[in-house]
Protein backbone atom coordinates (compact mmCIF):
# COMPACT_ATOMS: atom_id res chain seq x y z
CA SER A 1 0.00 0.00 0.00
CA ASN A 2 1.08 3.60 -0.64
CA SER A 3 1.98 5.90 2.26
CA ILE A 4 3.65 9.25 2.98
CA VAL A 5 5.17 9.92 6.40
CA PHE A 6 6.90 13.14 7.47
CA ASN A 7 10.11 12.67 9.48
CA ASP A 8 10.53 15.57 11.96
CA ALA A 9 14.15 14.71 12.75
CA THR A 10 15.32 15.02 9.12
CA LEU A 11 12.60 17.37 7.83
CA SER A 12 11.88 14.92 5.03
CA PHE A 13 9.14 12.71 3.66
CA VAL A 14 9.34 8.93 3.53
CA ILE A 15 7.22 7.79 0.60
CA ARG A 16 6.21 4.22 -0.04
CA ALA A 17 4.69 3.90 -3.50
CA THR A 18 5.07 2.36 -6.93
CA ASP A 19 7.82 3.42 -9.32
CA ASP A 20 5.26 5.35 -11.40
CA VAL A 21 4.13 7.37 -8.37
CA HIS A 22 7.77 8.06 -7.41
CA ALA A 23 8.40 9.32 -10.97
CA GLU A 24 5.37 11.66 -10.73
CA ILE A 25 6.55 12.99 -7.35
CA ALA A 26 10.08 13.55 -8.70
CA ASP A 27 8.64 15.44 -11.69
CA LEU A 28 6.47 17.63 -9.43
CA LEU A 29 9.41 18.43 -7.12
CA GLY A 30 11.53 19.30 -10.17
CA GLN A 31 8.86 21.70 -11.41
CA LEU A 32 8.68 23.38 -7.98
CA ARG A 33 12.48 23.75 -7.86
CA ARG A 34 12.52 25.36 -11.34
CA LEU A 35 9.92 27.88 -10.20
CA GLN A 36 12.17 28.87 -7.29
CA ASP A 37 15.21 29.21 -9.56
CA LEU A 38 13.85 32.42 -11.11
CA GLN A 39 14.92 35.67 -9.52
CA VAL A 40 13.84 39.27 -9.99
CA SER A 41 16.58 41.84 -9.48
CA LEU A 42 15.51 45.39 -8.68
CA GLU A 43 17.69 48.47 -8.78
CA MET A 44 15.87 51.44 -7.31
CA SER A 45 16.69 55.06 -6.66
CA ILE A 46 14.55 57.33 -4.55
CA VAL A 47 15.31 60.87 -5.62
CA THR A 48 13.93 64.17 -4.34
CA LEU A 49 13.46 66.73 -7.12
CA HIS A 50 12.12 70.20 -7.79
CA ALA A 51 9.14 70.43 -10.16
CA ASP A 52 11.20 71.99 -12.97
CA GLN A 53 13.59 69.01 -12.95
CA VAL A 54 10.90 66.63 -14.18
CA PRO A 55 10.82 66.49 -18.01
CA ARG A 56 7.63 67.68 -19.69
CA GLU A 57 6.99 64.22 -21.21
CA ILE A 58 6.86 62.73 -17.69
CA ASN A 59 5.39 65.55 -15.61
CA GLY A 60 1.59 65.25 -15.63
CA SER A 61 1.40 63.12 -18.78
CA ASN A 62 -0.05 60.09 -17.04
CA LYS A 63 -2.79 60.11 -14.39
CA SER A 64 -1.43 57.00 -12.66
CA GLY A 65 1.95 58.66 -12.12
CA THR A 66 3.85 55.86 -13.86
CA HIS A 67 5.99 56.14 -16.97
CA THR A 68 7.91 53.38 -18.74
CA LEU A 69 11.30 54.33 -20.17
CA LYS A 70 13.98 52.46 -22.08
CA SER A 71 17.39 52.37 -20.38
CA PRO A 72 19.10 55.15 -22.44
CA ALA A 73 16.30 57.63 -21.63
CA LEU A 74 16.46 56.74 -17.95
CA GLN A 75 20.24 57.01 -17.88
CA ALA A 76 20.05 60.51 -19.39
CA LEU A 77 17.46 61.55 -16.79
CA VAL A 78 19.44 60.19 -13.86
CA LYS A 79 22.64 61.82 -15.16
CA SER A 80 20.90 65.20 -15.36
CA TRP A 81 19.54 64.77 -11.83
CA GLN A 82 22.94 63.73 -10.46
CA THR A 83 24.57 66.89 -11.81
CA ASP A 84 21.83 69.22 -10.50
CA ARG A 85 22.57 70.35 -6.93
CA ARG A 86 18.85 70.76 -6.17
CA SER A 87 18.19 67.03 -6.45
CA ASN A 88 19.05 64.51 -3.77
CA ILE A 89 19.39 60.75 -4.16
CA VAL A 90 17.87 59.60 -0.87
CA MET A 91 18.67 55.93 -1.29
CA SER A 92 19.53 53.38 -3.99
CA PRO A 93 18.76 49.88 -2.72
CA LYS A 94 19.34 46.79 -4.82
CA ILE A 95 17.06 43.87 -4.09
CA THR A 96 16.95 40.33 -5.44
CA LEU A 97 13.69 38.47 -4.93
CA MET A 98 12.70 34.92 -5.68
CA ASN A 99 9.95 34.72 -8.26
CA GLY A 100 6.71 35.79 -6.54
CA GLN A 101 8.41 36.99 -3.35
CA THR A 102 7.47 40.30 -1.69
CA ALA A 103 9.92 42.77 -0.11
CA THR A 104 9.61 46.12 1.69
CA VAL A 105 11.92 49.11 1.27
CA ASN A 106 11.72 51.72 4.05
CA SER A 107 12.87 55.34 3.85
CA ASP A 108 13.02 57.03 7.23
CA GLU A 109 14.06 60.30 5.58
CA LEU A 110 10.86 60.41 3.51
CA ASN A 111 8.75 58.63 6.14
CA THR A 112 7.48 56.13 3.59
CA ASN A 113 7.82 52.53 2.57
CA LEU A 114 7.49 50.72 -0.74
CA ILE A 115 6.32 47.13 -1.03
CA VAL A 116 7.36 45.29 -4.20
CA ASN A 117 6.43 41.90 -5.62
CA GLY A 118 7.82 40.59 -8.91
CA VAL A 119 6.58 37.65 -10.97
CA VAL A 120 8.51 36.54 -14.07
CA SER A 121 6.36 35.69 -17.11
CA GLY A 122 6.23 32.14 -18.41
CA ASP A 123 8.42 33.06 -21.41
CA ARG A 124 10.87 34.82 -19.03
CA LYS A 125 10.81 38.01 -21.12
CA SER A 126 8.97 40.30 -18.72
CA VAL A 127 8.20 40.89 -15.05
CA ARG A 128 4.77 41.70 -13.63
CA LEU A 129 5.52 44.10 -10.83
CA ALA A 130 3.08 44.93 -8.05
CA LEU A 131 3.95 48.08 -6.10
CA GLY A 132 2.43 49.32 -2.88
CA ILE A 133 3.15 52.57 -1.08
CA ASN A 134 2.81 53.12 2.67
CA GLY A 135 1.39 49.93 4.09
CA ASP A 136 2.43 46.73 5.83
CA THR A 137 1.33 44.41 3.01
CA LEU A 138 0.28 44.81 -0.62
CA GLU A 139 -3.31 44.45 0.55
CA SER A 140 -3.08 47.26 3.13
CA VAL A 141 -1.23 49.95 1.17
CA VAL A 142 -2.40 53.51 0.58
CA ARG A 143 -1.80 53.13 -3.18
CA ARG A 144 -1.26 49.99 -5.21
CA GLN A 145 -0.15 49.73 -8.82
CA GLN A 146 0.65 46.90 -11.14
CA THR A 147 2.73 47.07 -14.30
CA THR A 148 4.59 44.75 -16.64
CA LEU A 149 8.13 45.57 -17.70
CA GLU A 150 10.30 43.89 -20.28
CA GLU A 151 14.01 43.41 -19.71
CA GLY A 152 15.83 46.71 -20.11
CA GLN A 153 12.75 48.82 -19.41
CA SER A 154 12.53 51.11 -16.42
CA LEU A 155 9.66 52.71 -14.63
CA VAL A 156 9.42 56.19 -13.15
CA LEU A 157 6.84 56.32 -10.39
CA ASP A 158 5.75 59.66 -8.95
CA ILE A 159 5.08 59.18 -5.24
CA THR A 160 4.85 62.87 -4.39
CA SER A 161 1.21 62.66 -3.31
CA ASP A 162 1.94 59.60 -1.14
CA ILE A 163 4.64 61.16 1.06
CA SER A 164 5.39 64.41 2.82
CA ALA A 165 8.36 65.38 0.57
CA PRO A 166 8.51 65.48 -3.25
CA ALA A 167 10.21 62.40 -4.67
CA LYS A 168 10.42 60.22 -7.72
CA LEU A 169 11.08 56.52 -7.55
CA LEU A 170 13.01 54.84 -10.34
CA LYS A 171 13.25 51.13 -10.91
CA LYS A 172 15.29 49.21 -13.40
CA LEU A 173 14.45 45.54 -13.75
CA PRO A 174 17.04 43.25 -15.25
CA ILE A 175 15.63 39.71 -15.16
CA THR A 176 18.07 37.07 -13.95
CA ALA A 177 17.46 33.36 -14.07
């Protein structure tokens, strides 16, 4: 007869079954391991800016406050902000998440936190990113947004209305497997 028993001492399962059932279990465990192999790498910069530092094509062009940019456009923006003494890069965390994992980035200086969750698409060419601002979980945040980015794309997210100081959040999402 077939049986599955969990062994507390070794944190393992002892499975008594036919060879066919063992093959199915091995296949299932292999699929689960492959799902965990995917990682989402996030490079973020939280930058405080003055209103005239935000390019016209970004400032007020999108009601959701999100704007997708290709890497060269983002690099040009960041370079211009880095050379302007009125801007301030508050923090630039780099985070690597397992596929589907959620992380929180806190900024004491801006009195805000950002919750991020990344899920790699089945073809591994894009990441569905869920973002939450000022909450403990994605379900409890003040504002929640979802977007899909392809490798090499970046997102500018205006969080000015969500915090007490003006800021822009930039994310660049290289997908690593």
